[in-house]
């Protein structure tokens, strides 16, 4: 039997959503292992563009939190097609972001029975 999973899907690019979504993922990660739950983050759409840095304080906080999640072993993913289109593929891979086709990731979340929370 697979462990239950929570996926934090960061999509919106307003000042609060990426920062709050990545912070929620950090908080869940603090207790996930002891409660037998996996945590994963998937950035897509407008929020994925913020991974390239946007020069704002909110964007800086978001990217710092994403890097901290990766460093702590949380799988952070993003869409490879979007990354290629935006010229950020190499930079995101270098940061430890797992790039894959978004369509396939959403189907995987369904097949795994994950709870997906979108910000």
PDB file of N, CA and C in Angstrom:
ATOM      1  N   UNK A   1       0.843  -1.192   0.000  1.00  0.00           N
ATOM      2  CA  UNK A   1       0.000   0.000   0.000  1.00  0.00           C
ATOM      3  C   UNK A   1       0.882   1.246   0.000  1.00  0.00           C
ATOM      4  N   UNK A   2       0.545   2.200  -0.850  1.00  0.00           N
ATOM      5  CA  UNK A   2       1.315   3.433  -0.895  1.00  0.00           C
ATOM      6  C   UNK A   2       0.856   4.371   0.214  1.00  0.00           C
ATOM      7  N   UNK A   3       1.770   5.225   0.595  1.00  0.00           N
ATOM      8  CA  UNK A   3       1.438   6.206   1.624  1.00  0.00           C
ATOM      9  C   UNK A   3       0.557   7.295   1.039  1.00  0.00           C
ATOM     10  N   UNK A   4      -0.316   7.866   1.857  1.00  0.00           N
ATOM     11  CA  UNK A   4      -1.112   8.995   1.389  1.00  0.00           C
ATOM     12  C   UNK A   4      -0.182  10.149   0.993  1.00  0.00           C
ATOM     13  N   UNK A   5      -0.653  10.965   0.060  1.00  0.00           N
ATOM     14  CA  UNK A   5       0.176  12.060  -0.427  1.00  0.00           C
ATOM     15  C   UNK A   5      -0.631  13.345  -0.497  1.00  0.00           C
ATOM     16  N   UNK A   6       0.019  14.437  -0.134  1.00  0.00           N
ATOM     17  CA  UNK A   6      -0.514  15.770  -0.325  1.00  0.00           C
ATOM     18  C   UNK A   6       0.353  16.456  -1.367  1.00  0.00           C
ATOM     19  N   UNK A   7      -0.290  16.999  -2.389  1.00  0.00           N
ATOM     20  CA  UNK A   7       0.411  17.759  -3.423  1.00  0.00           C
ATOM     21  C   UNK A   7      -0.030  19.208  -3.312  1.00  0.00           C
ATOM     22  N   UNK A   8       0.945  20.093  -3.171  1.00  0.00           N
ATOM     23  CA  UNK A   8       0.668  21.523  -3.202  1.00  0.00           C
ATOM     24  C   UNK A   8       0.934  21.988  -4.626  1.00  0.00           C
ATOM     25  N   UNK A   9      -0.137  22.353  -5.313  1.00  0.00           N
ATOM     26  CA  UNK A   9      -0.075  22.809  -6.702  1.00  0.00           C
ATOM     27  C   UNK A   9      -0.053  24.337  -6.677  1.00  0.00           C
ATOM     28  N   UNK A  10       1.074  24.917  -7.034  1.00  0.00           N
ATOM     29  CA  UNK A  10       1.211  26.372  -7.040  1.00  0.00           C
ATOM     30  C   UNK A  10       1.000  26.835  -8.475  1.00  0.00           C
ATOM     31  N   UNK A  11      -0.087  27.549  -8.706  1.00  0.00           N
ATOM     32  CA  UNK A  11      -0.466  27.957 -10.053  1.00  0.00           C
ATOM     33  C   UNK A  11      -0.552  29.476 -10.212  1.00  0.00           C
ATOM     34  N   UNK A  12      -1.192  30.140  -9.292  1.00  0.00           N
ATOM     35  CA  UNK A  12      -1.449  31.577  -9.427  1.00  0.00           C
ATOM     36  C   UNK A  12      -0.176  32.387  -9.182  1.00  0.00           C
ATOM     37  N   UNK A  13      -0.123  33.577  -9.768  1.00  0.00           N
ATOM     38  CA  UNK A  13       1.097  34.378  -9.613  1.00  0.00           C
ATOM     39  C   UNK A  13       0.858  35.716  -8.919  1.00  0.00           C
ATOM     40  N   UNK A  14      -0.249  35.828  -8.185  1.00  0.00           N
ATOM     41  CA  UNK A  14      -0.440  37.038  -7.387  1.00  0.00           C
ATOM     42  C   UNK A  14       0.627  37.054  -6.292  1.00  0.00           C
ATOM     43  N   UNK A  15       0.730  38.126  -5.566  1.00  0.00           N
ATOM     44  CA  UNK A  15       1.796  38.258  -4.574  1.00  0.00           C
ATOM     45  C   UNK A  15       1.726  37.210  -3.465  1.00  0.00           C
ATOM     46  N   UNK A  16       0.540  36.717  -3.155  1.00  0.00           N
ATOM     47  CA  UNK A  16       0.386  35.829  -2.006  1.00  0.00           C
ATOM     48  C   UNK A  16       0.393  34.339  -2.322  1.00  0.00           C
ATOM     49  N   UNK A  17      -0.181  33.929  -3.441  1.00  0.00           N
ATOM     50  CA  UNK A  17      -0.358  32.491  -3.702  1.00  0.00           C
ATOM     51  C   UNK A  17       0.941  31.691  -3.729  1.00  0.00           C
ATOM     52  N   UNK A  18       1.961  32.085  -4.503  1.00  0.00           N
ATOM     53  CA  UNK A  18       3.191  31.277  -4.518  1.00  0.00           C
ATOM     54  C   UNK A  18       3.872  31.233  -3.144  1.00  0.00           C
ATOM     55  N   UNK A  19       3.911  32.368  -2.493  1.00  0.00           N
ATOM     56  CA  UNK A  19       4.551  32.440  -1.176  1.00  0.00           C
ATOM     57  C   UNK A  19       3.792  31.604  -0.151  1.00  0.00           C
ATOM     58  N   UNK A  20       2.469  31.713  -0.145  1.00  0.00           N
ATOM     59  CA  UNK A  20       1.661  30.966   0.814  1.00  0.00           C
ATOM     60  C   UNK A  20       1.681  29.476   0.493  1.00  0.00           C
ATOM     61  N   UNK A  21       1.545  29.118  -0.782  1.00  0.00           N
ATOM     62  CA  UNK A  21       1.563  27.710  -1.165  1.00  0.00           C
ATOM     63  C   UNK A  21       2.858  27.020  -0.796  1.00  0.00           C
ATOM     64  N   UNK A  22       3.986  27.681  -1.057  1.00  0.00           N
ATOM     65  CA  UNK A  22       5.270  27.061  -0.725  1.00  0.00           C
ATOM     66  C   UNK A  22       5.479  27.015   0.789  1.00  0.00           C
ATOM     67  N   UNK A  23       4.922  27.965   1.512  1.00  0.00           N
ATOM     68  CA  UNK A  23       5.019  27.938   2.984  1.00  0.00           C
ATOM     69  C   UNK A  23       4.146  26.823   3.561  1.00  0.00           C
ATOM     70  N   UNK A  24       2.964  26.639   3.013  1.00  0.00           N
ATOM     71  CA  UNK A  24       2.106  25.531   3.462  1.00  0.00           C
ATOM     72  C   UNK A  24       2.840  24.206   3.237  1.00  0.00           C
ATOM     73  N   UNK A  25       3.495  24.063   2.089  1.00  0.00           N
ATOM     74  CA  UNK A  25       4.255  22.841   1.822  1.00  0.00           C
ATOM     75  C   UNK A  25       5.355  22.643   2.861  1.00  0.00           C
ATOM     76  N   UNK A  26       6.028  23.718   3.242  1.00  0.00           N
ATOM     77  CA  UNK A  26       7.058  23.603   4.279  1.00  0.00           C
ATOM     78  C   UNK A  26       6.454  23.139   5.601  1.00  0.00           C
ATOM     79  N   UNK A  27       5.320  23.695   5.956  1.00  0.00           N
ATOM     80  CA  UNK A  27       4.678  23.333   7.226  1.00  0.00           C
ATOM     81  C   UNK A  27       4.213  21.885   7.210  1.00  0.00           C
ATOM     82  N   UNK A  28       3.630  21.434   6.101  1.00  0.00           N
ATOM     83  CA  UNK A  28       3.204  20.045   5.992  1.00  0.00           C
ATOM     84  C   UNK A  28       4.423  19.122   6.064  1.00  0.00           C
ATOM     85  N   UNK A  29       5.498  19.511   5.416  1.00  0.00           N
ATOM     86  CA  UNK A  29       6.721  18.694   5.419  1.00  0.00           C
ATOM     87  C   UNK A  29       7.252  18.486   6.837  1.00  0.00           C
ATOM     88  N   UNK A  30       7.012  19.432   7.725  1.00  0.00           N
ATOM     89  CA  UNK A  30       7.487  19.322   9.101  1.00  0.00           C
ATOM     90  C   UNK A  30       6.888  18.121   9.834  1.00  0.00           C
ATOM     91  N   UNK A  31       5.676  17.716   9.462  1.00  0.00           N
ATOM     92  CA  UNK A  31       4.999  16.630  10.170  1.00  0.00           C
ATOM     93  C   UNK A  31       4.669  15.435   9.275  1.00  0.00           C
ATOM     94  N   UNK A  32       4.942  15.545   7.987  1.00  0.00           N
ATOM     95  CA  UNK A  32       4.522  14.515   7.036  1.00  0.00           C
ATOM     96  C   UNK A  32       5.086  13.136   7.372  1.00  0.00           C
ATOM     97  N   UNK A  33       6.377  13.041   7.589  1.00  0.00           N
ATOM     98  CA  UNK A  33       7.000  11.734   7.814  1.00  0.00           C
ATOM     99  C   UNK A  33       6.441  11.054   9.068  1.00  0.00           C
ATOM    100  N   UNK A  34       6.308  11.797  10.144  1.00  0.00           N
ATOM    101  CA  UNK A  34       5.822  11.191  11.385  1.00  0.00           C
ATOM    102  C   UNK A  34       4.361  10.774  11.296  1.00  0.00           C
ATOM    103  N   UNK A  35       3.646  11.350  10.352  1.00  0.00           N
ATOM    104  CA  UNK A  35       2.230  10.996  10.165  1.00  0.00           C
ATOM    105  C   UNK A  35       2.014  10.061   8.976  1.00  0.00           C
ATOM    106  N   UNK A  36       3.116   9.624   8.368  1.00  0.00           N
ATOM    107  CA  UNK A  36       3.023   8.658   7.289  1.00  0.00           C
ATOM    108  C   UNK A  36       2.490   9.217   5.982  1.00  0.00           C
ATOM    109  N   UNK A  37       2.736  10.496   5.740  1.00  0.00           N
ATOM    110  CA  UNK A  37       2.238  11.175   4.553  1.00  0.00           C
ATOM    111  C   UNK A  37       3.419  11.684   3.731  1.00  0.00           C
ATOM    112  N   UNK A  38       3.286  11.617   2.420  1.00  0.00           N
ATOM    113  CA  UNK A  38       4.276  12.228   1.533  1.00  0.00           C
ATOM    114  C   UNK A  38       3.790  13.621   1.164  1.00  0.00           C
ATOM    115  N   UNK A  39       4.735  14.505   0.890  1.00  0.00           N
ATOM    116  CA  UNK A  39       4.413  15.868   0.448  1.00  0.00           C
ATOM    117  C   UNK A  39       5.179  16.131  -0.840  1.00  0.00           C
ATOM    118  N   UNK A  40       4.531  16.804  -1.750  1.00  0.00           N
ATOM    119  CA  UNK A  40       5.126  17.134  -3.040  1.00  0.00           C
ATOM    120  C   UNK A  40       4.602  18.497  -3.466  1.00  0.00           C
ATOM    121  N   UNK A  41       5.392  19.222  -4.240  1.00  0.00           N
ATOM    122  CA  UNK A  41       4.985  20.524  -4.767  1.00  0.00           C
ATOM    123  C   UNK A  41       5.069  20.457  -6.280  1.00  0.00           C
ATOM    124  N   UNK A  42       4.065  21.025  -6.956  1.00  0.00           N
ATOM    125  CA  UNK A  42       4.120  21.124  -8.415  1.00  0.00           C
ATOM    126  C   UNK A  42       3.768  22.549  -8.816  1.00  0.00           C
ATOM    127  N   UNK A  43       4.710  23.218  -9.472  1.00  0.00           N
ATOM    128  CA  UNK A  43       4.516  24.587  -9.944  1.00  0.00           C
ATOM    129  C   UNK A  43       4.164  24.544 -11.423  1.00  0.00           C
ATOM    130  N   UNK A  44       3.170  25.324 -11.806  1.00  0.00           N
ATOM    131  CA  UNK A  44       2.700  25.291 -13.185  1.00  0.00           C
ATOM    132  C   UNK A  44       2.045  26.625 -13.511  1.00  0.00           C
ATOM    133  N   UNK A  45       1.911  26.892 -14.784  1.00  0.00           N
ATOM    134  CA  UNK A  45       1.216  28.091 -15.224  1.00  0.00           C
ATOM    135  C   UNK A  45       1.933  29.358 -14.800  1.00  0.00           C
ATOM    136  N   UNK A  46       1.178  30.382 -14.433  1.00  0.00           N
ATOM    137  CA  UNK A  46       1.787  31.663 -14.097  1.00  0.00           C
ATOM    138  C   UNK A  46       2.817  31.581 -12.971  1.00  0.00           C
ATOM    139  N   UNK A  47       2.571  30.743 -11.975  1.00  0.00           N
ATOM    140  CA  UNK A  47       3.512  30.635 -10.858  1.00  0.00           C
ATOM    141  C   UNK A  47       4.854  30.066 -11.295  1.00  0.00           C
ATOM    142  N   UNK A  48       4.844  29.193 -12.296  1.00  0.00           N
ATOM    143  CA  UNK A  48       6.105  28.610 -12.750  1.00  0.00           C
ATOM    144  C   UNK A  48       7.051  29.693 -13.268  1.00  0.00           C
ATOM    145  N   UNK A  49       6.503  30.717 -13.893  1.00  0.00           N
ATOM    146  CA  UNK A  49       7.358  31.807 -14.386  1.00  0.00           C
ATOM    147  C   UNK A  49       8.079  32.507 -13.242  1.00  0.00           C
ATOM    148  N   UNK A  50       7.482  32.520 -12.063  1.00  0.00           N
ATOM    149  CA  UNK A  50       8.140  33.153 -10.901  1.00  0.00           C
ATOM    150  C   UNK A  50       9.387  32.401 -10.454  1.00  0.00           C
ATOM    151  N   UNK A  51       9.500  31.134 -10.841  1.00  0.00           N
ATOM    152  CA  UNK A  51      10.698  30.372 -10.480  1.00  0.00           C
ATOM    153  C   UNK A  51      11.954  30.948 -11.131  1.00  0.00           C
ATOM    154  N   UNK A  52      11.774  31.712 -12.193  1.00  0.00           N
ATOM    155  CA  UNK A  52      12.912  32.348 -12.861  1.00  0.00           C
ATOM    156  C   UNK A  52      13.329  33.628 -12.142  1.00  0.00           C
ATOM    157  N   UNK A  53      12.560  34.016 -11.140  1.00  0.00           N
ATOM    158  CA  UNK A  53      12.842  35.252 -10.419  1.00  0.00           C
ATOM    159  C   UNK A  53      12.148  36.413 -11.106  1.00  0.00           C
ATOM    160  N   UNK A  54      11.497  37.228 -10.327  1.00  0.00           N
ATOM    161  CA  UNK A  54      10.779  38.356 -10.909  1.00  0.00           C
ATOM    162  C   UNK A  54      11.180  39.682 -10.274  1.00  0.00           C
ATOM    163  N   UNK A  55      12.181  39.658  -9.403  1.00  0.00           N
ATOM    164  CA  UNK A  55      12.677  40.886  -8.802  1.00  0.00           C
ATOM    165  C   UNK A  55      11.827  41.454  -7.688  1.00  0.00           C
ATOM    166  N   UNK A  56      10.741  40.769  -7.332  1.00  0.00           N
ATOM    167  CA  UNK A  56       9.894  41.270  -6.255  1.00  0.00           C
ATOM    168  C   UNK A  56      10.257  40.569  -4.941  1.00  0.00           C
ATOM    169  N   UNK A  57       9.894  41.209  -3.850  1.00  0.00           N
ATOM    170  CA  UNK A  57      10.125  40.585  -2.542  1.00  0.00           C
ATOM    171  C   UNK A  57       9.357  39.277  -2.419  1.00  0.00           C
ATOM    172  N   UNK A  58       8.093  39.281  -2.866  1.00  0.00           N
ATOM    173  CA  UNK A  58       7.278  38.068  -2.795  1.00  0.00           C
ATOM    174  C   UNK A  58       7.898  36.959  -3.638  1.00  0.00           C
ATOM    175  N   UNK A  59       8.392  37.297  -4.818  1.00  0.00           N
ATOM    176  CA  UNK A  59       9.043  36.308  -5.676  1.00  0.00           C
ATOM    177  C   UNK A  59      10.313  35.764  -5.048  1.00  0.00           C
ATOM    178  N   UNK A  60      11.044  36.622  -4.361  1.00  0.00           N
ATOM    179  CA  UNK A  60      12.256  36.182  -3.672  1.00  0.00           C
ATOM    180  C   UNK A  60      11.950  35.223  -2.541  1.00  0.00           C
ATOM    181  N   UNK A  61      10.912  35.524  -1.767  1.00  0.00           N
ATOM    182  CA  UNK A  61      10.496  34.636  -0.676  1.00  0.00           C
ATOM    183  C   UNK A  61      10.063  33.288  -1.245  1.00  0.00           C
ATOM    184  N   UNK A  62       9.268  33.316  -2.306  1.00  0.00           N
ATOM    185  CA  UNK A  62       8.817  32.087  -2.952  1.00  0.00           C
ATOM    186  C   UNK A  62      10.004  31.244  -3.388  1.00  0.00           C
ATOM    187  N   UNK A  63      10.949  31.830  -4.077  1.00  0.00           N
ATOM    188  CA  UNK A  63      12.099  31.071  -4.558  1.00  0.00           C
ATOM    189  C   UNK A  63      12.971  30.558  -3.417  1.00  0.00           C
ATOM    190  N   UNK A  64      13.132  31.336  -2.361  1.00  0.00           N
ATOM    191  CA  UNK A  64      13.884  30.859  -1.194  1.00  0.00           C
ATOM    192  C   UNK A  64      13.183  29.649  -0.577  1.00  0.00           C
ATOM    193  N   UNK A  65      11.852  29.713  -0.482  1.00  0.00           N
ATOM    194  CA  UNK A  65      11.102  28.604   0.100  1.00  0.00           C
ATOM    195  C   UNK A  65      11.158  27.368  -0.797  1.00  0.00           C
ATOM    196  N   UNK A  66      11.103  27.563  -2.107  1.00  0.00           N
ATOM    197  CA  UNK A  66      11.225  26.433  -3.038  1.00  0.00           C
ATOM    198  C   UNK A  66      12.592  25.781  -2.882  1.00  0.00           C
ATOM    199  N   UNK A  67      13.644  26.579  -2.827  1.00  0.00           N
ATOM    200  CA  UNK A  67      14.992  26.028  -2.661  1.00  0.00           C
ATOM    201  C   UNK A  67      15.130  25.283  -1.335  1.00  0.00           C
ATOM    202  N   UNK A  68      14.504  25.806  -0.279  1.00  0.00           N
ATOM    203  CA  UNK A  68      14.545  25.129   1.020  1.00  0.00           C
ATOM    204  C   UNK A  68      13.799  23.796   0.965  1.00  0.00           C
ATOM    205  N   UNK A  69      12.679  23.756   0.263  1.00  0.00           N
ATOM    206  CA  UNK A  69      11.939  22.506   0.109  1.00  0.00           C
ATOM    207  C   UNK A  69      12.784  21.466  -0.616  1.00  0.00           C
ATOM    208  N   UNK A  70      13.406  21.867  -1.723  1.00  0.00           N
ATOM    209  CA  UNK A  70      14.270  20.950  -2.474  1.00  0.00           C
ATOM    210  C   UNK A  70      15.399  20.454  -1.576  1.00  0.00           C
ATOM    211  N   UNK A  71      16.024  21.372  -0.848  1.00  0.00           N
ATOM    212  CA  UNK A  71      17.140  21.008   0.028  1.00  0.00           C
ATOM    213  C   UNK A  71      16.719  20.035   1.126  1.00  0.00           C
ATOM    214  N   UNK A  72      15.458  20.114   1.545  1.00  0.00           N
ATOM    215  CA  UNK A  72      14.976  19.221   2.605  1.00  0.00           C
ATOM    216  C   UNK A  72      14.489  17.884   2.065  1.00  0.00           C
ATOM    217  N   UNK A  73      14.553  17.704   0.736  1.00  0.00           N
ATOM    218  CA  UNK A  73      14.177  16.433   0.153  1.00  0.00           C
ATOM    219  C   UNK A  73      12.764  16.350  -0.385  1.00  0.00           C
ATOM    220  N   UNK A  74      12.039  17.449  -0.359  1.00  0.00           N
ATOM    221  CA  UNK A  74      10.689  17.466  -0.918  1.00  0.00           C
ATOM    222  C   UNK A  74      10.798  17.539  -2.441  1.00  0.00           C
ATOM    223  N   UNK A  75      10.030  16.706  -3.116  1.00  0.00           N
ATOM    224  CA  UNK A  75      10.018  16.735  -4.584  1.00  0.00           C
ATOM    225  C   UNK A  75       9.269  17.982  -5.030  1.00  0.00           C
ATOM    226  N   UNK A  76       9.961  18.840  -5.758  1.00  0.00           N
ATOM    227  CA  UNK A  76       9.360  20.040  -6.335  1.00  0.00           C
ATOM    228  C   UNK A  76       9.432  19.875  -7.845  1.00  0.00           C
ATOM    229  N   UNK A  77       8.276  19.926  -8.487  1.00  0.00           N
ATOM    230  CA  UNK A  77       8.225  19.741  -9.927  1.00  0.00           C
ATOM    231  C   UNK A  77       7.680  20.952 -10.636  1.00  0.00           C
ATOM    232  N   UNK A  78       7.887  20.957 -11.959  1.00  0.00           N
ATOM    233  CA  UNK A  78       7.356  21.994 -12.835  1.00  0.00           C
ATOM    234  C   UNK A  78       7.245  21.400 -14.230  1.00  0.00           C
ATOM    235  N   UNK A  79       6.568  22.113 -15.104  1.00  0.00           N
ATOM    236  CA  UNK A  79       6.321  21.638 -16.454  1.00  0.00           C
ATOM    237  C   UNK A  79       7.546  21.832 -17.349  1.00  0.00           C
ATOM    238  N   UNK A  80       8.017  20.746 -17.933  1.00  0.00           N
ATOM    239  CA  UNK A  80       9.186  20.810 -18.810  1.00  0.00           C
ATOM    240  C   UNK A  80       8.891  21.606 -20.073  1.00  0.00           C
ATOM    241  N   UNK A  81       7.684  21.478 -20.616  1.00  0.00           N
ATOM    242  CA  UNK A  81       7.355  22.214 -21.836  1.00  0.00           C
ATOM    243  C   UNK A  81       7.360  23.718 -21.597  1.00  0.00           C
ATOM    244  N   UNK A  82       6.822  24.143 -20.476  1.00  0.00           N
ATOM    245  CA  UNK A  82       6.844  25.569 -20.138  1.00  0.00           C
ATOM    246  C   UNK A  82       8.269  26.045 -19.903  1.00  0.00           C
ATOM    247  N   UNK A  83       9.061  25.230 -19.209  1.00  0.00           N
ATOM    248  CA  UNK A  83      10.447  25.606 -18.946  1.00  0.00           C
ATOM    249  C   UNK A  83      11.225  25.764 -20.251  1.00  0.00           C
ATOM    250  N   UNK A  84      11.031  24.860 -21.182  1.00  0.00           N
ATOM    251  CA  UNK A  84      11.713  24.967 -22.487  1.00  0.00           C
ATOM    252  C   UNK A  84      11.266  26.221 -23.229  1.00  0.00           C
ATOM    253  N   UNK A  85       9.970  26.473 -23.223  1.00  0.00           N
ATOM    254  CA  UNK A  85       9.435  27.638 -23.928  1.00  0.00           C
ATOM    255  C   UNK A  85       9.966  28.947 -23.345  1.00  0.00           C
ATOM    256  N   UNK A  86      10.213  28.950 -22.044  1.00  0.00           N
ATOM    257  CA  UNK A  86      10.676  30.160 -21.365  1.00  0.00           C
ATOM    258  C   UNK A  86      12.195  30.218 -21.231  1.00  0.00           C
ATOM    259  N   UNK A  87      12.886  29.174 -21.686  1.00  0.00           N
ATOM    260  CA  UNK A  87      14.341  29.159 -21.602  1.00  0.00           C
ATOM    261  C   UNK A  87      14.886  28.965 -20.206  1.00  0.00           C
ATOM    262  N   UNK A  88      14.113  28.301 -19.333  1.00  0.00           N
ATOM    263  CA  UNK A  88      14.537  28.126 -17.938  1.00  0.00           C
ATOM    264  C   UNK A  88      14.840  26.678 -17.577  1.00  0.00           C
ATOM    265  N   UNK A  89      14.814  25.779 -18.543  1.00  0.00           N
ATOM    266  CA  UNK A  89      14.971  24.355 -18.256  1.00  0.00           C
ATOM    267  C   UNK A  89      16.267  24.055 -17.502  1.00  0.00           C
ATOM    268  N   UNK A  90      17.393  24.502 -18.015  1.00  0.00           N
ATOM    269  CA  UNK A  90      18.681  24.198 -17.375  1.00  0.00           C
ATOM    270  C   UNK A  90      18.761  24.800 -15.972  1.00  0.00           C
ATOM    271  N   UNK A  91      18.303  26.026 -15.819  1.00  0.00           N
ATOM    272  CA  UNK A  91      18.373  26.688 -14.509  1.00  0.00           C
ATOM    273  C   UNK A  91      17.505  25.974 -13.478  1.00  0.00           C
ATOM    274  N   UNK A  92      16.308  25.552 -13.886  1.00  0.00           N
ATOM    275  CA  UNK A  92      15.435  24.859 -12.942  1.00  0.00           C
ATOM    276  C   UNK A  92      16.003  23.494 -12.566  1.00  0.00           C
ATOM    277  N   UNK A  93      16.519  22.774 -13.549  1.00  0.00           N
ATOM    278  CA  UNK A  93      17.132  21.473 -13.243  1.00  0.00           C
ATOM    279  C   UNK A  93      18.315  21.644 -12.291  1.00  0.00           C
ATOM    280  N   UNK A  94      19.106  22.697 -12.505  1.00  0.00           N
ATOM    281  CA  UNK A  94      20.268  22.951 -11.643  1.00  0.00           C
ATOM    282  C   UNK A  94      19.844  23.226 -10.199  1.00  0.00           C
ATOM    283  N   UNK A  95      18.661  23.768 -10.020  1.00  0.00           N
ATOM    284  CA  UNK A  95      18.136  24.036  -8.674  1.00  0.00           C
ATOM    285  C   UNK A  95      17.511  22.799  -8.042  1.00  0.00           C
ATOM    286  N   UNK A  96      17.386  21.716  -8.812  1.00  0.00           N
ATOM    287  CA  UNK A  96      16.800  20.495  -8.271  1.00  0.00           C
ATOM    288  C   UNK A  96      15.324  20.354  -8.526  1.00  0.00           C
ATOM    289  N   UNK A  97      14.757  21.210  -9.366  1.00  0.00           N
ATOM    290  CA  UNK A  97      13.349  21.106  -9.727  1.00  0.00           C
ATOM    291  C   UNK A  97      13.204  19.971 -10.739  1.00  0.00           C
ATOM    292  N   UNK A  98      12.265  19.069 -10.494  1.00  0.00           N
ATOM    293  CA  UNK A  98      12.012  17.932 -11.372  1.00  0.00           C
ATOM    294  C   UNK A  98      11.080  18.397 -12.485  1.00  0.00           C
ATOM    295  N   UNK A  99      11.547  18.289 -13.724  1.00  0.00           N
ATOM    296  CA  UNK A  99      10.746  18.745 -14.857  1.00  0.00           C
ATOM    297  C   UNK A  99      10.114  17.558 -15.572  1.00  0.00           C
ATOM    298  N   UNK A 100       8.820  17.675 -15.832  1.00  0.00           N
ATOM    299  CA  UNK A 100       8.081  16.627 -16.525  1.00  0.00           C
ATOM    300  C   UNK A 100       6.879  17.274 -17.205  1.00  0.00           C
ATOM    301  N   UNK A 101       6.182  16.502 -18.001  1.00  0.00           N
ATOM    302  CA  UNK A 101       4.997  17.008 -18.695  1.00  0.00           C
ATOM    303  C   UNK A 101       3.865  17.148 -17.667  1.00  0.00           C
ATOM    304  N   UNK A 102       3.296  18.328 -17.583  1.00  0.00           N
ATOM    305  CA  UNK A 102       2.260  18.601 -16.576  1.00  0.00           C
ATOM    306  C   UNK A 102       1.095  17.627 -16.694  1.00  0.00           C
ATOM    307  N   UNK A 103       0.677  17.344 -17.894  1.00  0.00           N
ATOM    308  CA  UNK A 103      -0.436  16.409 -18.117  1.00  0.00           C
ATOM    309  C   UNK A 103      -0.171  15.086 -17.420  1.00  0.00           C
ATOM    310  N   UNK A 104       1.047  14.589 -17.557  1.00  0.00           N
ATOM    311  CA  UNK A 104       1.401  13.302 -16.955  1.00  0.00           C
ATOM    312  C   UNK A 104       1.431  13.384 -15.434  1.00  0.00           C
ATOM    313  N   UNK A 105       1.860  14.507 -14.922  1.00  0.00           N
ATOM    314  CA  UNK A 105       1.893  14.675 -13.470  1.00  0.00           C
ATOM    315  C   UNK A 105       0.488  14.695 -12.886  1.00  0.00           C
ATOM    316  N   UNK A 106      -0.429  15.405 -13.528  1.00  0.00           N
ATOM    317  CA  UNK A 106      -1.795  15.454 -13.012  1.00  0.00           C
ATOM    318  C   UNK A 106      -2.452  14.080 -13.036  1.00  0.00           C
ATOM    319  N   UNK A 107      -2.186  13.309 -14.069  1.00  0.00           N
ATOM    320  CA  UNK A 107      -2.717  11.941 -14.117  1.00  0.00           C
ATOM    321  C   UNK A 107      -2.079  11.099 -13.008  1.00  0.00           C
ATOM    322  N   UNK A 108      -0.783  11.266 -12.786  1.00  0.00           N
ATOM    323  CA  UNK A 108      -0.102  10.522 -11.716  1.00  0.00           C
ATOM    324  C   UNK A 108      -0.723  10.853 -10.363  1.00  0.00           C
ATOM    325  N   UNK A 109      -0.997  12.119 -10.108  1.00  0.00           N
ATOM    326  CA  UNK A 109      -1.619  12.501  -8.836  1.00  0.00           C
ATOM    327  C   UNK A 109      -2.953  11.784  -8.655  1.00  0.00           C
ATOM    328  N   UNK A 110      -3.730  11.697  -9.718  1.00  0.00           N
ATOM    329  CA  UNK A 110      -5.016  11.005  -9.656  1.00  0.00           C
ATOM    330  C   UNK A 110      -4.818   9.521  -9.369  1.00  0.00           C
ATOM    331  N   UNK A 111      -3.914   8.886 -10.110  1.00  0.00           N
ATOM    332  CA  UNK A 111      -3.673   7.454  -9.929  1.00  0.00           C
ATOM    333  C   UNK A 111      -3.158   7.133  -8.527  1.00  0.00           C
ATOM    334  N   UNK A 112      -2.415   8.064  -7.943  1.00  0.00           N
ATOM    335  CA  UNK A 112      -1.894   7.863  -6.591  1.00  0.00           C
ATOM    336  C   UNK A 112      -2.913   8.209  -5.517  1.00  0.00           C
ATOM    337  N   UNK A 113      -4.045   8.773  -5.913  1.00  0.00           N
ATOM    338  CA  UNK A 113      -5.055   9.152  -4.930  1.00  0.00           C
ATOM    339  C   UNK A 113      -4.629  10.317  -4.067  1.00  0.00           C
ATOM    340  N   UNK A 114      -3.789  11.170  -4.606  1.00  0.00           N
ATOM    341  CA  UNK A 114      -3.256  12.299  -3.840  1.00  0.00           C
ATOM    342  C   UNK A 114      -4.335  13.355  -3.576  1.00  0.00           C
ATOM    343  N   UNK A 115      -4.170  14.040  -2.462  1.00  0.00           N
ATOM    344  CA  UNK A 115      -4.961  15.226  -2.190  1.00  0.00           C
ATOM    345  C   UNK A 115      -4.186  16.399  -2.758  1.00  0.00           C
ATOM    346  N   UNK A 116      -4.799  17.128  -3.683  1.00  0.00           N
ATOM    347  CA  UNK A 116      -4.134  18.248  -4.345  1.00  0.00           C
ATOM    348  C   UNK A 116      -4.753  19.548  -3.843  1.00  0.00           C
ATOM    349  N   UNK A 117      -3.910  20.410  -3.319  1.00  0.00           N
ATOM    350  CA  UNK A 117      -4.322  21.715  -2.820  1.00  0.00           C
ATOM    351  C   UNK A 117      -3.694  22.749  -3.733  1.00  0.00           C
ATOM    352  N   UNK A 118      -4.505  23.626  -4.299  1.00  0.00           N
ATOM    353  CA  UNK A 118      -4.013  24.615  -5.265  1.00  0.00           C
ATOM    354  C   UNK A 118      -3.968  26.005  -4.662  1.00  0.00           C
ATOM    355  N   UNK A 119      -2.854  26.668  -4.914  1.00  0.00           N
ATOM    356  CA  UNK A 119      -2.673  28.064  -4.515  1.00  0.00           C
ATOM    357  C   UNK A 119      -2.434  28.905  -5.752  1.00  0.00           C
TER     358      UNK A 119
END
